[in-house]
Amino acid sequence: MNADLIQLDQAVNEGIKFHEHNSLYQWVDLWAAGPVAVTSWTSEYTESGVCGDALLATPEKGRLLFDEAVKNLIGSSDEFYTREVMTRKDHHTAQPLSDLPG
């Protein structure tokens, strides 16, 4: 990792506004999310783009985060590559009004 790219002068402690409603079903953190998915733009729930306390960042934490992300990306890619390719079937009883993808 290139320490020259780290901009700690821009680090802030910003809570995720998405969490302010204290939902049991919709929440997000670095490795997980609640059982109900809500897709939104990061700019909707954070002013700076930071989610959490970037002031607690260290090179060691950055390395752990990077290594874990790479491990999971490789694992996901390996799983995707080796999974069975299933054949799509059309179960429509009436012809759709628009073209089907694929």
Protein backbone atom coordinates (compact mmCIF):
# COMPACT_ATOMS: atom_id res chain seq x y z
CA MET A 1 0.00 0.00 0.00
CA ASN A 2 1.21 3.48 -0.83
CA ALA A 3 1.28 5.68 2.27
CA ASP A 4 1.58 8.77 0.03
CA LEU A 5 -2.03 8.24 -1.05
CA ILE A 6 -3.42 8.40 2.49
CA GLN A 7 -5.11 11.73 3.21
CA LEU A 8 -5.63 11.77 6.96
CA ASP A 9 -6.17 15.54 6.82
CA GLN A 10 -9.53 14.72 5.23
CA ALA A 11 -10.45 12.04 7.78
CA VAL A 12 -13.62 12.71 9.77
CA ASN A 13 -15.81 10.91 12.27
CA GLU A 14 -19.18 10.74 10.57
CA GLY A 15 -21.99 8.49 11.69
CA ILE A 16 -24.12 6.90 9.04
CA LYS A 17 -27.45 8.78 8.88
CA PHE A 18 -28.99 5.58 7.56
CA HIS A 19 -28.72 4.21 11.13
CA GLU A 20 -30.55 7.07 12.86
CA HIS A 21 -33.91 5.30 12.66
CA ASN A 22 -32.50 2.32 14.66
CA SER A 23 -34.16 -0.30 12.48
CA LEU A 24 -33.91 -4.01 13.26
CA TYR A 25 -34.18 -4.71 9.54
CA GLN A 26 -32.20 -2.07 7.67
CA TRP A 27 -28.63 -1.37 8.72
CA VAL A 28 -25.19 -1.66 7.20
CA ASP A 29 -21.62 -1.99 8.38
CA LEU A 30 -18.38 -3.00 6.71
CA TRP A 31 -19.05 -6.76 6.56
CA ALA A 32 -22.80 -7.17 6.85
CA ALA A 33 -26.21 -5.64 6.38
CA GLY A 34 -29.67 -6.08 7.85
CA PRO A 35 -32.10 -8.70 6.56
CA VAL A 36 -33.90 -6.14 4.36
CA ALA A 37 -31.78 -4.61 1.62
CA VAL A 38 -32.19 -0.97 0.73
CA THR A 39 -30.10 0.30 -2.14
CA SER A 40 -29.23 3.96 -1.99
CA TRP A 41 -26.49 6.41 -2.85
CA THR A 42 -23.80 6.89 -0.19
CA SER A 43 -24.32 10.64 -0.52
CA GLU A 44 -27.85 10.18 0.84
CA TYR A 45 -26.59 9.14 4.27
CA THR A 46 -23.14 10.72 4.62
CA GLU A 47 -22.00 14.27 3.88
CA SER A 48 -18.33 13.43 3.36
CA GLY A 49 -18.48 9.95 1.87
CA VAL A 50 -16.96 8.57 5.08
CA CYS A 51 -18.98 5.94 6.91
CA GLY A 52 -17.84 5.75 10.51
CA ASP A 53 -14.76 7.08 12.25
CA ALA A 54 -11.91 7.46 9.76
CA LEU A 55 -9.87 9.13 12.52
CA LEU A 56 -9.29 5.66 13.99
CA ALA A 57 -7.58 4.47 10.80
CA THR A 58 -4.10 2.95 11.04
CA PRO A 59 -1.82 1.33 8.45
CA GLU A 60 -2.38 -2.01 10.19
CA LYS A 61 -6.17 -1.71 9.97
CA GLY A 62 -5.87 -0.67 6.34
CA ARG A 63 -3.75 -3.73 5.57
CA LEU A 64 -6.23 -6.03 7.36
CA LEU A 65 -9.14 -4.49 5.48
CA PHE A 66 -7.33 -4.73 2.15
CA ASP A 67 -6.26 -8.34 2.72
CA GLU A 68 -9.78 -9.38 3.76
CA ALA A 69 -11.34 -7.67 0.74
CA VAL A 70 -8.86 -9.34 -1.64
CA LYS A 71 -9.42 -12.74 0.00
CA ASN A 72 -13.19 -12.41 -0.39
CA LEU A 73 -12.96 -11.15 -3.96
CA ILE A 74 -10.77 -14.10 -4.93
CA GLY A 75 -13.04 -16.55 -3.08
CA SER A 76 -16.14 -15.14 -4.77
CA SER A 77 -14.45 -15.28 -8.18
CA ASP A 78 -13.35 -18.89 -7.62
CA GLU A 79 -16.85 -19.87 -6.55
CA PHE A 80 -18.41 -18.12 -9.55
CA TYR A 81 -15.96 -19.76 -11.96
CA THR A 82 -16.62 -23.29 -10.66
CA ARG A 83 -20.38 -23.14 -10.21
CA GLU A 84 -22.74 -25.06 -12.45
CA VAL A 85 -24.14 -23.10 -15.36
CA MET A 86 -27.89 -23.56 -15.24
CA THR A 87 -30.09 -23.50 -18.32
CA ARG A 88 -32.73 -20.83 -18.41
CA LYS A 89 -36.31 -21.93 -19.09
CA ASP A 90 -39.23 -19.78 -20.14
CA HIS A 91 -42.22 -20.50 -17.90
CA HIS A 92 -44.49 -17.78 -19.26
CA THR A 93 -48.03 -18.87 -20.07
CA ALA A 94 -48.47 -15.78 -22.26
CA GLN A 95 -45.91 -14.04 -24.42
CA PRO A 96 -44.35 -11.10 -22.51
CA LEU A 97 -45.01 -7.64 -23.91
CA SER A 98 -41.31 -6.77 -23.87
CA ASP A 99 -38.18 -8.61 -24.95
CA LEU A 100 -36.64 -10.90 -22.38
CA PRO A 101 -32.99 -10.21 -21.52
CA GLY A 102 -30.39 -12.74 -22.63
